[in-house]
Protein backbone atom coordinates (compact mmCIF):
# COMPACT_ATOMS: atom_id res chain seq x y z
CA MET A 1 -19.38 1.23 11.13
CA SER A 2 -17.93 -2.24 11.51
CA VAL A 3 -14.85 -2.89 9.34
CA VAL A 4 -12.83 -6.06 8.77
CA VAL A 5 -9.24 -5.86 7.50
CA ARG A 6 -8.13 -9.08 5.83
CA LYS A 7 -5.99 -10.57 3.09
CA ALA A 8 -7.54 -10.22 -0.35
CA LYS A 9 -9.20 -13.24 -1.93
CA GLN A 10 -9.48 -14.01 -5.62
CA ALA A 11 -13.17 -13.13 -5.40
CA ASP A 12 -12.12 -9.55 -4.48
CA VAL A 13 -10.26 -8.91 -7.75
CA LEU A 14 -13.25 -7.50 -9.65
CA GLY A 15 -14.06 -5.04 -6.83
CA MET A 16 -10.40 -4.05 -6.63
CA GLN A 17 -10.29 -3.49 -10.40
CA LYS A 18 -13.33 -1.20 -10.13
CA GLN A 19 -11.66 0.79 -7.35
CA PHE A 20 -8.43 1.07 -9.33
CA ALA A 21 -10.32 2.22 -12.43
CA GLN A 22 -12.12 4.94 -10.45
CA VAL A 23 -8.79 6.50 -9.39
CA GLY A 24 -6.91 5.84 -12.63
CA LEU A 25 -4.50 3.20 -11.35
CA PRO A 26 -3.29 0.46 -13.70
CA GLN A 27 -5.01 -2.82 -13.04
CA GLU A 28 -3.58 -5.15 -15.64
CA ASP A 29 -1.47 -7.15 -13.17
CA LEU A 30 -4.11 -7.51 -10.44
CA ASP A 31 -4.96 -11.01 -11.60
CA GLU A 32 -1.37 -11.97 -10.75
CA VAL A 33 -0.63 -9.91 -7.62
CA TRP A 34 -3.94 -9.87 -5.71
CA ARG A 35 -2.43 -12.26 -3.12
CA ASN A 36 -0.16 -9.40 -2.00
CA PHE A 37 -3.07 -7.13 -1.08
CA ILE A 38 -5.05 -6.53 2.07
CA ILE A 39 -8.48 -4.96 2.04
CA ALA A 40 -10.81 -3.24 4.46
CA GLU A 41 -14.34 -4.48 4.05
CA GLY A 42 -17.49 -2.76 5.27
CA GLU A 43 -20.51 -4.40 6.90
CA ASP A 44 -22.06 -4.83 3.46
CA GLU A 45 -18.88 -6.64 2.31
CA SER A 46 -17.95 -3.78 -0.04
CA ILE A 47 -14.30 -2.79 -0.31
CA LEU A 48 -13.54 0.42 1.57
CA ALA A 49 -9.76 0.36 1.09
CA THR A 50 -7.04 -1.75 -0.44
CA VAL A 51 -3.26 -1.74 -0.45
CA GLY A 52 -0.58 -4.03 -1.82
CA ILE A 53 2.33 -5.22 0.30
CA VAL A 54 4.75 -6.59 -2.26
CA PRO A 55 7.81 -8.60 -1.14
CA VAL A 56 11.21 -7.33 -2.29
CA GLN A 57 13.86 -9.63 -0.84
CA GLU A 58 13.67 -9.16 2.97
CA ASP A 59 11.73 -5.92 2.59
CA ALA A 60 8.34 -4.99 1.11
CA MET A 61 6.78 -2.16 -0.86
CA LEU A 62 3.44 -0.60 -0.11
CA ARG A 63 1.69 0.04 -3.43
CA SER A 64 -1.65 1.01 -4.89
CA LEU A 65 -3.27 2.43 -1.75
CA VAL A 66 -6.89 3.10 -2.69
CA ILE A 67 -9.37 4.51 -0.18
CA ASP A 68 -13.09 5.13 -0.67
CA GLY A 69 -12.83 8.67 0.71
CA GLN A 70 -16.59 9.25 0.54
CA ARG A 71 -17.28 6.41 2.96
CA VAL A 72 -14.44 6.60 5.49
CA SER A 73 -12.83 9.17 7.77
CA SER A 74 -9.23 10.38 7.91
CA THR A 75 -8.91 8.44 11.18
CA PHE A 76 -9.88 5.29 9.29
CA VAL A 77 -7.12 5.94 6.72
CA LEU A 78 -4.49 6.14 9.49
CA GLU A 79 -5.85 2.99 11.12
CA PHE A 80 -5.78 1.15 7.78
CA LEU A 81 -2.16 2.19 7.22
CA GLU A 82 -1.30 1.00 10.73
CA ALA A 83 -2.98 -2.34 9.95
CA ALA A 84 -0.88 -2.63 6.77
CA ILE A 85 2.29 -1.95 8.77
CA ALA A 86 1.25 -4.52 11.38
CA TYR A 87 0.64 -7.07 8.62
CA ALA A 88 4.09 -6.38 7.13
CA LYS A 89 5.66 -6.86 10.59
CA GLN A 90 3.75 -10.12 11.02
CA GLU A 91 5.19 -11.28 7.68
CA GLN A 92 8.64 -10.43 9.14
CA TYR A 93 9.75 -7.91 6.53
CA ARG A 94 12.62 -5.66 7.66
CA GLN A 95 11.52 -2.41 6.04
CA LEU A 96 8.44 -1.16 4.24
CA TYR A 97 8.91 1.29 1.36
CA LEU A 98 6.40 3.45 -0.49
CA PHE A 99 6.37 6.06 -3.22
CA THR A 100 3.96 8.98 -3.16
CA LYS A 101 3.26 11.81 -5.55
CA GLY A 102 1.30 13.70 -2.93
CA GLN A 103 1.96 14.85 0.57
CA ALA A 104 4.04 12.47 2.64
CA SER A 105 2.62 13.86 5.90
CA LEU A 106 -0.05 11.14 6.11
CA PHE A 107 2.62 8.45 6.00
CA LEU A 108 4.92 10.28 8.42
CA LYS A 109 2.14 10.05 11.03
CA THR A 110 2.35 6.24 10.91
CA GLY A 111 6.10 5.85 11.37
CA PHE A 112 7.42 6.36 7.84
CA GLU A 113 10.39 8.64 7.21
CA LEU A 114 11.35 10.47 4.03
CA LEU A 115 14.28 8.90 2.23
CA GLU A 116 16.65 10.77 -0.07
CA ARG A 117 16.88 9.15 -3.50
CA GLU A 118 20.60 8.47 -3.13
CA ASN A 119 19.79 6.36 -0.05
CA ILE A 120 17.27 4.07 -1.77
CA PRO A 121 18.64 0.51 -1.69
CA GLN A 122 19.52 -1.05 -5.04
CA HIS A 123 17.01 -3.90 -4.68
CA ILE A 124 14.20 -1.31 -4.43
CA LYS A 125 15.54 0.66 -7.42
CA GLU A 126 15.49 -2.55 -9.46
CA THR A 127 11.75 -3.12 -8.99
CA THR A 128 9.43 -2.49 -11.91
CA HIS A 129 7.30 -0.29 -9.64
CA TYR A 130 10.23 2.03 -8.85
CA GLN A 131 11.39 2.14 -12.46
CA GLN A 132 7.89 3.08 -13.63
CA HIS A 133 7.94 6.15 -11.35
CA GLU A 134 11.65 6.99 -11.26
CA GLU A 135 11.36 10.01 -13.57
CA GLU A 136 8.34 11.43 -11.76
CA ASP A 137 8.38 13.87 -8.88
CA ILE A 138 7.80 11.29 -6.17
CA LYS A 139 8.72 11.10 -2.54
CA VAL A 140 10.15 7.86 -1.20
CA CYS A 141 9.34 6.86 2.37
CA VAL A 142 10.55 3.97 4.50
CA CYS A 143 9.29 2.44 7.74
CA SER A 144 11.55 0.20 9.80
CA LEU A 145 9.68 -2.91 10.92
CA THR A 146 12.30 -4.29 13.29
CA SER A 147 12.64 -3.12 16.87
């Protein structure tokens, strides 16, 4: 299967909203933040995966990772995450943060490390995304993007 990973375009918003709805993610701000997303597109131009890379000062947050698990393999998921990390490096962010309710092992395979809550930088704690999930049982991971 041939896959293209690229920055999202405004024309992708409807497809992204459908994906978000299928997994129960909020989609109300997609019209505003779609520029911060990358997508993986199949040969038929359907969206196989999407993830947001949202700037936070000199860092970025990975958010709203949605994968069409019926159409892609676990290897594809790792490769898509690696492409997201490469994109964040290209944009010259220092660190990439993410929050997960599930197993962090997937992210640890791509260079992320678990971060204790007391070590989360203040500028990350001040984001709406963090504050929305602060009370939940989430794991926080960070990936250094500088050599």
